[in-house]
Amino acid sequence: MGLAGAGVADQAERVAAADPNDYSVDPRVIGRLVAVTATLGRVIVVCEGRTVADHERCWASRAVIADPAHVETARGLRAAYSAAKQASLPSLSCLPMTITG
């Protein structure tokens, strides 16, 4: 028997809460509705029929359990976002200059 519930993958933390702990999820589903199932041994998070996290259950209190693959994916998404944002900014050489003197 396990604990099952629905929640939203938290945008800031990229985690699904189960018991008093936080478990990482694939950052591509942040902000989307997920189903969390906690058994005696595992915490599994599913989004639209796809498993987006599968962690060994941690019985400590207030622990953060992060899958290295989730951390790396988040790093790549942040880098891509930053590069796209930089590409959309105007070049300083294109800005008009006013010289006063």
PDB file of N, CA and C in Angstrom:
ATOM      1  N   MET A   1       0.845  -1.176   0.000  1.00  0.00           N
ATOM      2  CA  MET A   1       0.000   0.000   0.000  1.00  0.00           C
ATOM      3  C   MET A   1       0.887   1.234   0.000  1.00  0.00           C
ATOM      4  N   GLY A   2       0.476   2.258  -0.699  1.00  0.00           N
ATOM      5  CA  GLY A   2       1.277   3.467  -0.761  1.00  0.00           C
ATOM      6  C   GLY A   2       0.415   4.706  -0.646  1.00  0.00           C
ATOM      7  N   LEU A   3       1.084   5.816  -0.587  1.00  0.00           N
ATOM      8  CA  LEU A   3       0.442   7.120  -0.534  1.00  0.00           C
ATOM      9  C   LEU A   3       0.406   7.654  -1.958  1.00  0.00           C
ATOM     10  N   ALA A   4      -0.744   8.044  -2.430  1.00  0.00           N
ATOM     11  CA  ALA A   4      -0.855   8.593  -3.782  1.00  0.00           C
ATOM     12  C   ALA A   4      -1.531   9.947  -3.703  1.00  0.00           C
ATOM     13  N   GLY A   5      -1.119  10.825  -4.572  1.00  0.00           N
ATOM     14  CA  GLY A   5      -1.735  12.146  -4.587  1.00  0.00           C
ATOM     15  C   GLY A   5      -1.359  12.873  -5.852  1.00  0.00           C
ATOM     16  N   ALA A   6      -1.923  14.038  -6.007  1.00  0.00           N
ATOM     17  CA  ALA A   6      -1.611  14.871  -7.161  1.00  0.00           C
ATOM     18  C   ALA A   6      -1.038  16.174  -6.652  1.00  0.00           C
ATOM     19  N   GLY A   7      -0.194  16.760  -7.446  1.00  0.00           N
ATOM     20  CA  GLY A   7       0.387  18.034  -7.066  1.00  0.00           C
ATOM     21  C   GLY A   7       0.946  18.707  -8.301  1.00  0.00           C
ATOM     22  N   VAL A   8       1.502  19.867  -8.098  1.00  0.00           N
ATOM     23  CA  VAL A   8       2.137  20.596  -9.188  1.00  0.00           C
ATOM     24  C   VAL A   8       3.617  20.654  -8.903  1.00  0.00           C
ATOM     25  N   ALA A   9       4.434  20.293  -9.893  1.00  0.00           N
ATOM     26  CA  ALA A   9       5.885  20.385  -9.721  1.00  0.00           C
ATOM     27  C   ALA A   9       6.217  21.856  -9.495  1.00  0.00           C
ATOM     28  N   ASP A  10       6.792  22.157  -8.368  1.00  0.00           N
ATOM     29  CA  ASP A  10       7.049  23.525  -7.951  1.00  0.00           C
ATOM     30  C   ASP A  10       8.046  24.208  -8.869  1.00  0.00           C
ATOM     31  N   GLN A  11       7.691  25.382  -9.389  1.00  0.00           N
ATOM     32  CA  GLN A  11       8.534  26.060 -10.370  1.00  0.00           C
ATOM     33  C   GLN A  11       9.863  26.499  -9.783  1.00  0.00           C
ATOM     34  N   ALA A  12       9.873  26.980  -8.570  1.00  0.00           N
ATOM     35  CA  ALA A  12      11.117  27.485  -7.991  1.00  0.00           C
ATOM     36  C   ALA A  12      12.027  26.344  -7.544  1.00  0.00           C
ATOM     37  N   GLU A  13      11.458  25.313  -6.979  1.00  0.00           N
ATOM     38  CA  GLU A  13      12.269  24.259  -6.364  1.00  0.00           C
ATOM     39  C   GLU A  13      12.481  23.040  -7.246  1.00  0.00           C
ATOM     40  N   ARG A  14      11.669  22.870  -8.281  1.00  0.00           N
ATOM     41  CA  ARG A  14      11.770  21.700  -9.149  1.00  0.00           C
ATOM     42  C   ARG A  14      11.616  20.407  -8.358  1.00  0.00           C
ATOM     43  N   VAL A  15      10.663  20.388  -7.435  1.00  0.00           N
ATOM     44  CA  VAL A  15      10.497  19.218  -6.587  1.00  0.00           C
ATOM     45  C   VAL A  15       9.035  18.839  -6.462  1.00  0.00           C
ATOM     46  N   ALA A  16       8.829  17.595  -6.092  1.00  0.00           N
ATOM     47  CA  ALA A  16       7.505  17.129  -5.689  1.00  0.00           C
ATOM     48  C   ALA A  16       7.613  16.792  -4.209  1.00  0.00           C
ATOM     49  N   ALA A  17       6.688  17.256  -3.427  1.00  0.00           N
ATOM     50  CA  ALA A  17       6.738  16.995  -1.988  1.00  0.00           C
ATOM     51  C   ALA A  17       6.058  15.663  -1.683  1.00  0.00           C
ATOM     52  N   ALA A  18       6.708  14.860  -0.894  1.00  0.00           N
ATOM     53  CA  ALA A  18       6.142  13.605  -0.414  1.00  0.00           C
ATOM     54  C   ALA A  18       6.568  13.470   1.037  1.00  0.00           C
ATOM     55  N   ASP A  19       5.604  13.323   1.915  1.00  0.00           N
ATOM     56  CA  ASP A  19       5.875  13.330   3.349  1.00  0.00           C
ATOM     57  C   ASP A  19       6.516  14.680   3.679  1.00  0.00           C
ATOM     58  N   PRO A  20       7.503  14.717   4.572  1.00  0.00           N
ATOM     59  CA  PRO A  20       8.136  16.011   4.851  1.00  0.00           C
ATOM     60  C   PRO A  20       9.346  16.270   3.947  1.00  0.00           C
ATOM     61  N   ASN A  21       9.514  15.470   2.889  1.00  0.00           N
ATOM     62  CA  ASN A  21      10.699  15.581   2.035  1.00  0.00           C
ATOM     63  C   ASN A  21      10.361  16.143   0.659  1.00  0.00           C
ATOM     64  N   ASP A  22      11.389  16.620  -0.044  1.00  0.00           N
ATOM     65  CA  ASP A  22      11.259  17.122  -1.404  1.00  0.00           C
ATOM     66  C   ASP A  22      12.101  16.250  -2.327  1.00  0.00           C
ATOM     67  N   TYR A  23      11.498  15.816  -3.438  1.00  0.00           N
ATOM     68  CA  TYR A  23      12.160  14.958  -4.412  1.00  0.00           C
ATOM     69  C   TYR A  23      12.214  15.692  -5.752  1.00  0.00           C
ATOM     70  N   SER A  24      13.355  15.651  -6.417  1.00  0.00           N
ATOM     71  CA  SER A  24      13.482  16.342  -7.700  1.00  0.00           C
ATOM     72  C   SER A  24      12.632  15.664  -8.758  1.00  0.00           C
ATOM     73  N   VAL A  25      12.234  16.474  -9.750  1.00  0.00           N
ATOM     74  CA  VAL A  25      11.522  15.958 -10.920  1.00  0.00           C
ATOM     75  C   VAL A  25      12.237  16.479 -12.157  1.00  0.00           C
ATOM     76  N   ASP A  26      11.932  15.891 -13.303  1.00  0.00           N
ATOM     77  CA  ASP A  26      12.481  16.386 -14.563  1.00  0.00           C
ATOM     78  C   ASP A  26      12.041  17.840 -14.701  1.00  0.00           C
ATOM     79  N   PRO A  27      12.977  18.768 -14.832  1.00  0.00           N
ATOM     80  CA  PRO A  27      12.606  20.181 -14.855  1.00  0.00           C
ATOM     81  C   PRO A  27      11.754  20.591 -16.047  1.00  0.00           C
ATOM     82  N   ARG A  28      11.638  19.741 -17.050  1.00  0.00           N
ATOM     83  CA  ARG A  28      10.786  20.069 -18.196  1.00  0.00           C
ATOM     84  C   ARG A  28       9.303  20.008 -17.853  1.00  0.00           C
ATOM     85  N   VAL A  29       8.948  19.475 -16.673  1.00  0.00           N
ATOM     86  CA  VAL A  29       7.538  19.418 -16.276  1.00  0.00           C
ATOM     87  C   VAL A  29       7.226  20.397 -15.143  1.00  0.00           C
ATOM     88  N   ILE A  30       8.120  21.297 -14.858  1.00  0.00           N
ATOM     89  CA  ILE A  30       7.887  22.280 -13.803  1.00  0.00           C
ATOM     90  C   ILE A  30       6.626  23.076 -14.114  1.00  0.00           C
ATOM     91  N   GLY A  31       5.789  23.213 -13.109  1.00  0.00           N
ATOM     92  CA  GLY A  31       4.550  23.967 -13.255  1.00  0.00           C
ATOM     93  C   GLY A  31       3.386  23.157 -13.791  1.00  0.00           C
ATOM     94  N   ARG A  32       3.606  21.880 -14.084  1.00  0.00           N
ATOM     95  CA  ARG A  32       2.545  21.031 -14.619  1.00  0.00           C
ATOM     96  C   ARG A  32       2.026  20.101 -13.539  1.00  0.00           C
ATOM     97  N   LEU A  33       0.797  19.634 -13.728  1.00  0.00           N
ATOM     98  CA  LEU A  33       0.184  18.722 -12.786  1.00  0.00           C
ATOM     99  C   LEU A  33       0.891  17.369 -12.846  1.00  0.00           C
ATOM    100  N   VAL A  34       1.260  16.849 -11.684  1.00  0.00           N
ATOM    101  CA  VAL A  34       1.914  15.550 -11.599  1.00  0.00           C
ATOM    102  C   VAL A  34       1.178  14.687 -10.584  1.00  0.00           C
ATOM    103  N   ALA A  35       1.334  13.376 -10.716  1.00  0.00           N
ATOM    104  CA  ALA A  35       0.799  12.425  -9.744  1.00  0.00           C
ATOM    105  C   ALA A  35       1.984  11.837  -8.987  1.00  0.00           C
ATOM    106  N   VAL A  36       1.912  11.883  -7.665  1.00  0.00           N
ATOM    107  CA  VAL A  36       2.989  11.376  -6.817  1.00  0.00           C
ATOM    108  C   VAL A  36       2.496  10.132  -6.096  1.00  0.00           C
ATOM    109  N   THR A  37       3.249   9.047  -6.233  1.00  0.00           N
ATOM    110  CA  THR A  37       2.948   7.815  -5.524  1.00  0.00           C
ATOM    111  C   THR A  37       4.141   7.477  -4.640  1.00  0.00           C
ATOM    112  N   ALA A  38       3.886   7.317  -3.352  1.00  0.00           N
ATOM    113  CA  ALA A  38       4.945   6.946  -2.413  1.00  0.00           C
ATOM    114  C   ALA A  38       4.615   5.582  -1.830  1.00  0.00           C
ATOM    115  N   THR A  39       5.519   4.625  -2.042  1.00  0.00           N
ATOM    116  CA  THR A  39       5.377   3.315  -1.438  1.00  0.00           C
ATOM    117  C   THR A  39       6.364   3.239  -0.284  1.00  0.00           C
ATOM    118  N   LEU A  40       6.465   2.102   0.347  1.00  0.00           N
ATOM    119  CA  LEU A  40       7.434   1.963   1.430  1.00  0.00           C
ATOM    120  C   LEU A  40       8.866   2.135   0.948  1.00  0.00           C
ATOM    121  N   GLY A  41       9.114   1.858  -0.331  1.00  0.00           N
ATOM    122  CA  GLY A  41      10.483   1.907  -0.820  1.00  0.00           C
ATOM    123  C   GLY A  41      10.788   2.952  -1.875  1.00  0.00           C
ATOM    124  N   ARG A  42       9.748   3.521  -2.530  1.00  0.00           N
ATOM    125  CA  ARG A  42       9.998   4.425  -3.650  1.00  0.00           C
ATOM    126  C   ARG A  42       9.041   5.608  -3.626  1.00  0.00           C
ATOM    127  N   VAL A  43       9.467   6.691  -4.283  1.00  0.00           N
ATOM    128  CA  VAL A  43       8.603   7.831  -4.591  1.00  0.00           C
ATOM    129  C   VAL A  43       8.665   7.990  -6.108  1.00  0.00           C
ATOM    130  N   ILE A  44       7.499   7.867  -6.743  1.00  0.00           N
ATOM    131  CA  ILE A  44       7.425   7.912  -8.202  1.00  0.00           C
ATOM    132  C   ILE A  44       6.513   9.067  -8.591  1.00  0.00           C
ATOM    133  N   VAL A  45       6.980   9.866  -9.541  1.00  0.00           N
ATOM    134  CA  VAL A  45       6.217  11.022 -10.011  1.00  0.00           C
ATOM    135  C   VAL A  45       5.929  10.814 -11.500  1.00  0.00           C
ATOM    136  N   VAL A  46       4.651  10.962 -11.866  1.00  0.00           N
ATOM    137  CA  VAL A  46       4.214  10.740 -13.240  1.00  0.00           C
ATOM    138  C   VAL A  46       3.520  11.996 -13.751  1.00  0.00           C
ATOM    139  N   CYS A  47       3.831  12.372 -14.976  1.00  0.00           N
ATOM    140  CA  CYS A  47       3.196  13.515 -15.634  1.00  0.00           C
ATOM    141  C   CYS A  47       2.712  13.050 -17.002  1.00  0.00           C
ATOM    142  N   GLU A  48       1.412  13.171 -17.244  1.00  0.00           N
ATOM    143  CA  GLU A  48       0.813  12.770 -18.518  1.00  0.00           C
ATOM    144  C   GLU A  48       1.223  11.354 -18.924  1.00  0.00           C
ATOM    145  N   GLY A  49       1.205  10.441 -17.972  1.00  0.00           N
ATOM    146  CA  GLY A  49       1.501   9.042 -18.243  1.00  0.00           C
ATOM    147  C   GLY A  49       2.969   8.687 -18.336  1.00  0.00           C
ATOM    148  N   ARG A  50       3.853   9.669 -18.143  1.00  0.00           N
ATOM    149  CA  ARG A  50       5.296   9.432 -18.248  1.00  0.00           C
ATOM    150  C   ARG A  50       5.944   9.617 -16.881  1.00  0.00           C
ATOM    151  N   THR A  51       6.783   8.666 -16.481  1.00  0.00           N
ATOM    152  CA  THR A  51       7.503   8.778 -15.214  1.00  0.00           C
ATOM    153  C   THR A  51       8.570   9.858 -15.349  1.00  0.00           C
ATOM    154  N   VAL A  52       8.481  10.889 -14.496  1.00  0.00           N
ATOM    155  CA  VAL A  52       9.419  12.007 -14.543  1.00  0.00           C
ATOM    156  C   VAL A  52      10.340  12.033 -13.329  1.00  0.00           C
ATOM    157  N   ALA A  53      10.118  11.104 -12.408  1.00  0.00           N
ATOM    158  CA  ALA A  53      11.014  10.932 -11.261  1.00  0.00           C
ATOM    159  C   ALA A  53      10.734   9.575 -10.638  1.00  0.00           C
ATOM    160  N   ASP A  54      11.796   8.938 -10.213  1.00  0.00           N
ATOM    161  CA  ASP A  54      11.694   7.650  -9.513  1.00  0.00           C
ATOM    162  C   ASP A  54      12.840   7.619  -8.519  1.00  0.00           C
ATOM    163  N   HIS A  55      12.521   7.840  -7.261  1.00  0.00           N
ATOM    164  CA  HIS A  55      13.537   7.933  -6.219  1.00  0.00           C
ATOM    165  C   HIS A  55      13.342   6.843  -5.167  1.00  0.00           C
ATOM    166  N   GLU A  56      14.442   6.429  -4.575  1.00  0.00           N
ATOM    167  CA  GLU A  56      14.342   5.605  -3.384  1.00  0.00           C
ATOM    168  C   GLU A  56      13.757   6.488  -2.291  1.00  0.00           C
ATOM    169  N   ARG A  57      12.812   5.955  -1.537  1.00  0.00           N
ATOM    170  CA  ARG A  57      12.163   6.756  -0.496  1.00  0.00           C
ATOM    171  C   ARG A  57      13.146   7.048   0.627  1.00  0.00           C
ATOM    172  N   CYS A  58      13.130   8.267   1.063  1.00  0.00           N
ATOM    173  CA  CYS A  58      13.983   8.705   2.168  1.00  0.00           C
ATOM    174  C   CYS A  58      13.108   8.871   3.404  1.00  0.00           C
ATOM    175  N   TRP A  59      13.528   8.265   4.497  1.00  0.00           N
ATOM    176  CA  TRP A  59      12.738   8.328   5.719  1.00  0.00           C
ATOM    177  C   TRP A  59      13.218   9.424   6.674  1.00  0.00           C
ATOM    178  N   ALA A  60      14.223  10.162   6.269  1.00  0.00           N
ATOM    179  CA  ALA A  60      14.648  11.315   7.073  1.00  0.00           C
ATOM    180  C   ALA A  60      13.568  12.384   6.968  1.00  0.00           C
ATOM    181  N   SER A  61      13.688  13.404   7.771  1.00  0.00           N
ATOM    182  CA  SER A  61      12.713  14.480   7.753  1.00  0.00           C
ATOM    183  C   SER A  61      13.305  15.737   7.136  1.00  0.00           C
ATOM    184  N   ARG A  62      12.532  16.364   6.246  1.00  0.00           N
ATOM    185  CA  ARG A  62      12.935  17.605   5.578  1.00  0.00           C
ATOM    186  C   ARG A  62      14.189  17.447   4.720  1.00  0.00           C
ATOM    187  N   ALA A  63      14.327  16.301   4.094  1.00  0.00           N
ATOM    188  CA  ALA A  63      15.471  16.056   3.205  1.00  0.00           C
ATOM    189  C   ALA A  63      15.119  16.504   1.783  1.00  0.00           C
ATOM    190  N   VAL A  64      16.140  16.841   1.028  1.00  0.00           N
ATOM    191  CA  VAL A  64      15.981  17.148  -0.394  1.00  0.00           C
ATOM    192  C   VAL A  64      16.732  16.069  -1.161  1.00  0.00           C
ATOM    193  N   ILE A  65      16.004  15.326  -1.983  1.00  0.00           N
ATOM    194  CA  ILE A  65      16.590  14.222  -2.730  1.00  0.00           C
ATOM    195  C   ILE A  65      16.614  14.640  -4.200  1.00  0.00           C
ATOM    196  N   ALA A  66      17.820  14.773  -4.760  1.00  0.00           N
ATOM    197  CA  ALA A  66      17.974  15.265  -6.127  1.00  0.00           C
ATOM    198  C   ALA A  66      18.620  14.197  -7.007  1.00  0.00           C
ATOM    199  N   ASP A  67      17.997  13.949  -8.144  1.00  0.00           N
ATOM    200  CA  ASP A  67      18.557  13.062  -9.155  1.00  0.00           C
ATOM    201  C   ASP A  67      19.576  13.871  -9.958  1.00  0.00           C
ATOM    202  N   PRO A  68      20.820  13.404 -10.071  1.00  0.00           N
ATOM    203  CA  PRO A  68      21.830  14.145 -10.835  1.00  0.00           C
ATOM    204  C   PRO A  68      21.392  14.457 -12.273  1.00  0.00           C
ATOM    205  N   ALA A  69      20.607  13.595 -12.887  1.00  0.00           N
ATOM    206  CA  ALA A  69      20.127  13.850 -14.252  1.00  0.00           C
ATOM    207  C   ALA A  69      19.187  15.055 -14.267  1.00  0.00           C
ATOM    208  N   HIS A  70      18.367  15.204 -13.230  1.00  0.00           N
ATOM    209  CA  HIS A  70      17.471  16.366 -13.149  1.00  0.00           C
ATOM    210  C   HIS A  70      18.275  17.652 -12.981  1.00  0.00           C
ATOM    211  N   VAL A  71      19.312  17.597 -12.174  1.00  0.00           N
ATOM    212  CA  VAL A  71      20.170  18.761 -11.937  1.00  0.00           C
ATOM    213  C   VAL A  71      20.859  19.170 -13.238  1.00  0.00           C
ATOM    214  N   GLU A  72      21.371  18.195 -13.978  1.00  0.00           N
ATOM    215  CA  GLU A  72      22.069  18.481 -15.239  1.00  0.00           C
ATOM    216  C   GLU A  72      21.105  19.028 -16.298  1.00  0.00           C
ATOM    217  N   THR A  73      19.917  18.458 -16.383  1.00  0.00           N
ATOM    218  CA  THR A  73      18.926  18.962 -17.330  1.00  0.00           C
ATOM    219  C   THR A  73      18.562  20.407 -17.001  1.00  0.00           C
ATOM    220  N   ALA A  74      18.379  20.705 -15.718  1.00  0.00           N
ATOM    221  CA  ALA A  74      18.063  22.079 -15.302  1.00  0.00           C
ATOM    222  C   ALA A  74      19.193  23.031 -15.668  1.00  0.00           C
ATOM    223  N   ARG A  75      20.424  22.598 -15.481  1.00  0.00           N
ATOM    224  CA  ARG A  75      21.581  23.424 -15.841  1.00  0.00           C
ATOM    225  C   ARG A  75      21.567  23.744 -17.342  1.00  0.00           C
ATOM    226  N   GLY A  76      21.293  22.761 -18.155  1.00  0.00           N
ATOM    227  CA  GLY A  76      21.236  22.956 -19.598  1.00  0.00           C
ATOM    228  C   GLY A  76      20.094  23.881 -20.007  1.00  0.00           C
ATOM    229  N   LEU A  77      18.931  23.731 -19.376  1.00  0.00           N
ATOM    230  CA  LEU A  77      17.799  24.602 -19.685  1.00  0.00           C
ATOM    231  C   LEU A  77      18.091  26.049 -19.299  1.00  0.00           C
ATOM    232  N   ARG A  78      18.749  26.247 -18.143  1.00  0.00           N
ATOM    233  CA  ARG A  78      19.111  27.614 -17.722  1.00  0.00           C
ATOM    234  C   ARG A  78      20.096  28.230 -18.703  1.00  0.00           C
ATOM    235  N   ALA A  79      21.075  27.454 -19.156  1.00  0.00           N
ATOM    236  CA  ALA A  79      22.072  27.965 -20.109  1.00  0.00           C
ATOM    237  C   ALA A  79      21.406  28.338 -21.431  1.00  0.00           C
ATOM    238  N   ALA A  80      20.502  27.504 -21.920  1.00  0.00           N
ATOM    239  CA  ALA A  80      19.800  27.792 -23.170  1.00  0.00           C
ATOM    240  C   ALA A  80      18.936  29.037 -23.031  1.00  0.00           C
ATOM    241  N   TYR A  81      18.258  29.189 -21.899  1.00  0.00           N
ATOM    242  CA  TYR A  81      17.430  30.369 -21.665  1.00  0.00           C
ATOM    243  C   TYR A  81      18.293  31.627 -21.627  1.00  0.00           C
ATOM    244  N   SER A  82      19.410  31.546 -20.939  1.00  0.00           N
ATOM    245  CA  SER A  82      20.316  32.691 -20.823  1.00  0.00           C
ATOM    246  C   SER A  82      20.864  33.089 -22.199  1.00  0.00           C
ATOM    247  N   ALA A  83      21.248  32.105 -23.005  1.00  0.00           N
ATOM    248  CA  ALA A  83      21.780  32.379 -24.343  1.00  0.00           C
ATOM    249  C   ALA A  83      20.711  33.016 -25.223  1.00  0.00           C
ATOM    250  N   ALA A  84      19.482  32.527 -25.152  1.00  0.00           N
ATOM    251  CA  ALA A  84      18.397  33.084 -25.955  1.00  0.00           C
ATOM    252  C   ALA A  84      18.092  34.519 -25.527  1.00  0.00           C
ATOM    253  N   LYS A  85      18.141  34.754 -24.230  1.00  0.00           N
ATOM    254  CA  LYS A  85      17.886  36.105 -23.721  1.00  0.00           C
ATOM    255  C   LYS A  85      18.982  37.064 -24.187  1.00  0.00           C
ATOM    256  N   GLN A  86      20.237  36.630 -24.119  1.00  0.00           N
ATOM    257  CA  GLN A  86      21.356  37.456 -24.576  1.00  0.00           C
ATOM    258  C   GLN A  86      21.245  37.761 -26.063  1.00  0.00           C
ATOM    259  N   ALA A  87      20.827  36.787 -26.849  1.00  0.00           N
ATOM    260  CA  ALA A  87      20.717  36.965 -28.291  1.00  0.00           C
ATOM    261  C   ALA A  87      19.629  37.977 -28.650  1.00  0.00           C
ATOM    262  N   SER A  88      18.637  38.139 -27.777  1.00  0.00           N
ATOM    263  CA  SER A  88      17.550  39.064 -28.079  1.00  0.00           C
ATOM    264  C   SER A  88      17.855  40.497 -27.642  1.00  0.00           C
ATOM    265  N   LEU A  89      18.940  40.714 -26.900  1.00  0.00           N
ATOM    266  CA  LEU A  89      19.306  42.060 -26.473  1.00  0.00           C
ATOM    267  C   LEU A  89      20.008  42.804 -27.603  1.00  0.00           C
ATOM    268  N   PRO A  90      19.774  44.110 -27.738  1.00  0.00           N
ATOM    269  CA  PRO A  90      20.463  44.866 -28.799  1.00  0.00           C
ATOM    270  C   PRO A  90      21.949  44.990 -28.478  1.00  0.00           C
ATOM    271  N   SER A  91      22.730  45.010 -29.523  1.00  0.00           N
ATOM    272  CA  SER A  91      24.170  45.188 -29.370  1.00  0.00           C
ATOM    273  C   SER A  91      24.451  46.624 -28.964  1.00  0.00           C
ATOM    274  N   LEU A  92      25.423  46.838 -28.106  1.00  0.00           N
ATOM    275  CA  LEU A  92      25.779  48.191 -27.673  1.00  0.00           C
ATOM    276  C   LEU A  92      26.285  49.037 -28.833  1.00  0.00           C
ATOM    277  N   SER A  93      26.885  48.417 -29.833  1.00  0.00           N
ATOM    278  CA  SER A  93      27.396  49.177 -30.974  1.00  0.00           C
ATOM    279  C   SER A  93      26.269  49.725 -31.842  1.00  0.00           C
ATOM    280  N   CYS A  94      25.062  49.210 -31.677  1.00  0.00           N
ATOM    281  CA  CYS A  94      23.920  49.669 -32.462  1.00  0.00           C
ATOM    282  C   CYS A  94      23.185  50.823 -31.795  1.00  0.00           C
ATOM    283  N   LEU A  95      23.449  51.075 -30.551  1.00  0.00           N
ATOM    284  CA  LEU A  95      22.736  52.118 -29.829  1.00  0.00           C
ATOM    285  C   LEU A  95      23.281  53.491 -30.179  1.00  0.00           C
ATOM    286  N   PRO A  96      22.389  54.480 -30.359  1.00  0.00           N
ATOM    287  CA  PRO A  96      22.854  55.831 -30.664  1.00  0.00           C
ATOM    288  C   PRO A  96      23.602  56.422 -29.464  1.00  0.00           C
ATOM    289  N   MET A  97      24.609  57.197 -29.755  1.00  0.00           N
ATOM    290  CA  MET A  97      25.387  57.823 -28.688  1.00  0.00           C
ATOM    291  C   MET A  97      25.206  59.334 -28.776  1.00  0.00           C
ATOM    292  N   THR A  98      25.128  59.939 -27.626  1.00  0.00           N
ATOM    293  CA  THR A  98      25.065  61.388 -27.549  1.00  0.00           C
ATOM    294  C   THR A  98      26.291  61.866 -26.788  1.00  0.00           C
ATOM    295  N   ILE A  99      27.032  62.716 -27.408  1.00  0.00           N
ATOM    296  CA  ILE A  99      28.246  63.246 -26.760  1.00  0.00           C
ATOM    297  C   ILE A  99      27.960  64.668 -26.344  1.00  0.00           C
ATOM    298  N   THR A 100      28.142  64.928 -25.076  1.00  0.00           N
ATOM    299  CA  THR A 100      27.928  66.288 -24.569  1.00  0.00           C
ATOM    300  C   THR A 100      29.266  66.826 -24.103  1.00  0.00           C
ATOM    301  N   GLY A 101      29.396  68.055 -24.178  1.00  0.00           N
ATOM    302  CA  GLY A 101      30.670  68.499 -23.745  1.00  0.00           C
ATOM    303  C   GLY A 101      30.810  69.914 -23.540  1.00  0.00           C
TER     304      GLY A 101
END
